[in-house]
Amino acid sequence: MAAFSDWKWQNSGYLFDEAEIAALISPRAVCFDAGDRDELFGSGMSKKEYAAAKPFFEAQGAGDRIMLKCFDGGHELDPADDCMDFFFHHLTNTSADTAAADTYNTQRKDEGT
């Protein structure tokens, strides 16, 4: 069996990664949810891919539709549900979660991401 990243398409890990997939998703919302102790895909890799993907969103005027959430955890979803709230905000496009989305965007700016 091939390496994990190549399990479906041989050598795909050398052709594209999360940034390229996110670029295909843009301008739709995407969240990079990364555990700092993830043994497979650490938060460092997610930060790198997020930085590479963000310009695709900004070029389309959708810089607020990409989010990076690093948390203290392993290979799992963040139990805080920040990414789910982010998605629901963008999927429903209502003002109900505007304050939460504004908080996330402010936090990202403060973190320099």
C-alpha atoms as a PDB file:
ATOM      1  CA  MET A   1       0.000   0.000   0.000  1.00  0.00           C
ATOM      2  CA  ALA A   2       1.221   3.483  -0.827  1.00  0.00           C
ATOM      3  CA  ALA A   3       2.012   6.178   1.746  1.00  0.00           C
ATOM      4  CA  PHE A   4      -0.991   7.831   3.426  1.00  0.00           C
ATOM      5  CA  SER A   5      -1.028  10.956   1.255  1.00  0.00           C
ATOM      6  CA  ASP A   6      -0.906   8.820  -1.891  1.00  0.00           C
ATOM      7  CA  TRP A   7      -3.475   6.173  -0.981  1.00  0.00           C
ATOM      8  CA  LYS A   8      -5.864   7.165  -3.792  1.00  0.00           C
ATOM      9  CA  TRP A   9      -3.660   8.781  -6.460  1.00  0.00           C
ATOM     10  CA  GLN A  10      -0.069   7.632  -6.621  1.00  0.00           C
ATOM     11  CA  ASN A  11       2.334  10.496  -5.759  1.00  0.00           C
ATOM     12  CA  SER A  12      -0.538  12.970  -5.318  1.00  0.00           C
ATOM     13  CA  GLY A  13       1.227  14.457  -2.298  1.00  0.00           C
ATOM     14  CA  TYR A  14       3.821  15.829  -4.721  1.00  0.00           C
ATOM     15  CA  LEU A  15       1.201  17.357  -7.043  1.00  0.00           C
ATOM     16  CA  PHE A  16      -1.183  19.208  -4.741  1.00  0.00           C
ATOM     17  CA  ASP A  17      -1.878  19.818  -1.079  1.00  0.00           C
ATOM     18  CA  GLU A  18      -4.447  21.644   1.056  1.00  0.00           C
ATOM     19  CA  ALA A  19      -3.662  25.089  -0.401  1.00  0.00           C
ATOM     20  CA  GLU A  20      -4.445  23.949  -3.934  1.00  0.00           C
ATOM     21  CA  ILE A  21      -7.655  22.261  -2.832  1.00  0.00           C
ATOM     22  CA  ALA A  22      -8.680  25.403  -0.917  1.00  0.00           C
ATOM     23  CA  ALA A  23      -7.973  27.485  -4.038  1.00  0.00           C
ATOM     24  CA  LEU A  24     -10.465  25.315  -5.916  1.00  0.00           C
ATOM     25  CA  ILE A  25     -13.016  25.846  -3.130  1.00  0.00           C
ATOM     26  CA  SER A  26     -12.608  29.635  -3.099  1.00  0.00           C
ATOM     27  CA  PRO A  27     -14.484  31.899  -2.812  1.00  0.00           C
ATOM     28  CA  ARG A  28     -16.595  29.509  -0.714  1.00  0.00           C
ATOM     29  CA  ALA A  29     -15.747  29.363   2.989  1.00  0.00           C
ATOM     30  CA  VAL A  30     -13.023  27.010   4.207  1.00  0.00           C
ATOM     31  CA  CYS A  31     -11.536  26.462   7.647  1.00  0.00           C
ATOM     32  CA  PHE A  32      -8.179  24.885   8.450  1.00  0.00           C
ATOM     33  CA  ASP A  33      -8.788  23.155  11.822  1.00  0.00           C
ATOM     34  CA  ALA A  34      -5.456  21.971  13.247  1.00  0.00           C
ATOM     35  CA  GLY A  35      -4.458  20.325  16.494  1.00  0.00           C
ATOM     36  CA  ASP A  36      -1.049  21.391  17.812  1.00  0.00           C
ATOM     37  CA  ARG A  37      -0.308  17.790  18.794  1.00  0.00           C
ATOM     38  CA  ASP A  38      -1.609  16.177  15.591  1.00  0.00           C
ATOM     39  CA  GLU A  39       0.800  13.345  14.805  1.00  0.00           C
ATOM     40  CA  LEU A  40      -0.226  13.190  11.125  1.00  0.00           C
ATOM     41  CA  PHE A  41      -0.747  16.810  10.058  1.00  0.00           C
ATOM     42  CA  GLY A  42       0.661  19.212  12.629  1.00  0.00           C
ATOM     43  CA  SER A  43      -0.490  22.795  12.980  1.00  0.00           C
ATOM     44  CA  GLY A  44       2.777  23.981  11.397  1.00  0.00           C
ATOM     45  CA  MET A  45       1.796  22.352   8.120  1.00  0.00           C
ATOM     46  CA  SER A  46      -1.698  23.849   8.367  1.00  0.00           C
ATOM     47  CA  LYS A  47      -0.248  27.316   8.950  1.00  0.00           C
ATOM     48  CA  LYS A  48       1.933  26.940   5.856  1.00  0.00           C
ATOM     49  CA  GLU A  49      -0.978  25.748   3.699  1.00  0.00           C
ATOM     50  CA  TYR A  50      -3.273  28.473   5.054  1.00  0.00           C
ATOM     51  CA  ALA A  51      -0.691  31.136   4.172  1.00  0.00           C
ATOM     52  CA  ALA A  52      -0.421  29.720   0.645  1.00  0.00           C
ATOM     53  CA  ALA A  53      -4.215  29.541   0.166  1.00  0.00           C
ATOM     54  CA  LYS A  54      -5.166  32.947   1.599  1.00  0.00           C
ATOM     55  CA  PRO A  55      -4.031  34.976  -1.467  1.00  0.00           C
ATOM     56  CA  PHE A  56      -6.497  33.042  -3.665  1.00  0.00           C
ATOM     57  CA  PHE A  57      -9.335  34.184  -1.412  1.00  0.00           C
ATOM     58  CA  GLU A  58      -8.075  37.753  -1.147  1.00  0.00           C
ATOM     59  CA  ALA A  59      -7.797  38.011  -4.950  1.00  0.00           C
ATOM     60  CA  GLN A  60     -11.522  37.260  -5.120  1.00  0.00           C
ATOM     61  CA  GLY A  61     -12.469  39.676  -2.349  1.00  0.00           C
ATOM     62  CA  ALA A  62     -13.209  36.743  -0.044  1.00  0.00           C
ATOM     63  CA  GLY A  63     -10.419  37.103   2.514  1.00  0.00           C
ATOM     64  CA  ASP A  64     -13.004  36.776   5.297  1.00  0.00           C
ATOM     65  CA  ARG A  65     -14.031  33.324   4.019  1.00  0.00           C
ATOM     66  CA  ILE A  66     -10.837  31.506   4.978  1.00  0.00           C
ATOM     67  CA  MET A  67     -10.009  30.715   8.586  1.00  0.00           C
ATOM     68  CA  LEU A  68      -7.185  29.012  10.459  1.00  0.00           C
ATOM     69  CA  LYS A  69      -8.006  27.560  13.873  1.00  0.00           C
ATOM     70  CA  CYS A  70      -5.163  25.937  15.817  1.00  0.00           C
ATOM     71  CA  PHE A  71      -6.028  24.311  19.124  1.00  0.00           C
ATOM     72  CA  ASP A  72      -4.479  22.166  21.826  1.00  0.00           C
ATOM     73  CA  GLY A  73      -5.328  18.707  20.547  1.00  0.00           C
ATOM     74  CA  GLY A  74      -4.375  15.813  18.340  1.00  0.00           C
ATOM     75  CA  HIS A  75      -5.775  14.460  15.073  1.00  0.00           C
ATOM     76  CA  GLU A  76      -9.344  15.505  15.804  1.00  0.00           C
ATOM     77  CA  LEU A  77     -11.830  18.313  15.285  1.00  0.00           C
ATOM     78  CA  ASP A  78     -11.628  21.193  17.730  1.00  0.00           C
ATOM     79  CA  PRO A  79     -14.267  20.581  20.407  1.00  0.00           C
ATOM     80  CA  ALA A  80     -14.873  24.360  20.631  1.00  0.00           C
ATOM     81  CA  ASP A  81     -16.849  24.229  17.331  1.00  0.00           C
ATOM     82  CA  ASP A  82     -15.361  27.516  16.083  1.00  0.00           C
ATOM     83  CA  CYS A  83     -14.980  26.144  12.557  1.00  0.00           C
ATOM     84  CA  MET A  84     -18.550  24.855  12.527  1.00  0.00           C
ATOM     85  CA  ASP A  85     -19.823  28.268  13.654  1.00  0.00           C
ATOM     86  CA  PHE A  86     -17.714  29.860  10.913  1.00  0.00           C
ATOM     87  CA  PHE A  87     -19.237  27.522   8.294  1.00  0.00           C
ATOM     88  CA  PHE A  88     -22.797  28.031   9.527  1.00  0.00           C
ATOM     89  CA  HIS A  89     -22.294  31.777   9.362  1.00  0.00           C
ATOM     90  CA  HIS A  90     -21.189  31.608   5.745  1.00  0.00           C
ATOM     91  CA  LEU A  91     -23.696  28.946   4.716  1.00  0.00           C
ATOM     92  CA  THR A  92     -26.697  30.728   6.154  1.00  0.00           C
ATOM     93  CA  ASN A  93     -25.426  34.249   5.370  1.00  0.00           C
ATOM     94  CA  THR A  94     -27.575  35.677   8.153  1.00  0.00           C
ATOM     95  CA  SER A  95     -26.788  38.293  10.736  1.00  0.00           C
ATOM     96  CA  ALA A  96     -27.434  35.842  13.615  1.00  0.00           C
ATOM     97  CA  ASP A  97     -23.771  34.889  13.874  1.00  0.00           C
ATOM     98  CA  THR A  98     -22.264  38.149  12.676  1.00  0.00           C
ATOM     99  CA  ALA A  99     -20.771  38.932  16.078  1.00  0.00           C
ATOM    100  CA  ALA A 100     -19.113  35.500  16.224  1.00  0.00           C
ATOM    101  CA  ALA A 101     -17.713  35.865  12.702  1.00  0.00           C
ATOM    102  CA  ASP A 102     -16.436  39.363  13.512  1.00  0.00           C
ATOM    103  CA  THR A 103     -14.726  37.951  16.605  1.00  0.00           C
ATOM    104  CA  TYR A 104     -12.985  35.254  14.540  1.00  0.00           C
ATOM    105  CA  ASN A 105     -11.846  37.774  11.943  1.00  0.00           C
ATOM    106  CA  THR A 106     -10.541  40.120  14.659  1.00  0.00           C
ATOM    107  CA  GLN A 107      -8.672  37.258  16.335  1.00  0.00           C
ATOM    108  CA  ARG A 108      -7.099  36.265  13.028  1.00  0.00           C
ATOM    109  CA  LYS A 109      -5.957  39.839  12.389  1.00  0.00           C
ATOM    110  CA  ASP A 110      -4.541  40.077  15.915  1.00  0.00           C
ATOM    111  CA  GLU A 111      -2.654  36.816  15.373  1.00  0.00           C
ATOM    112  CA  GLY A 112      -1.286  38.111  12.086  1.00  0.00           C
ATOM    113  CA  THR A 113      -2.912  35.313  10.080  1.00  0.00           C
END
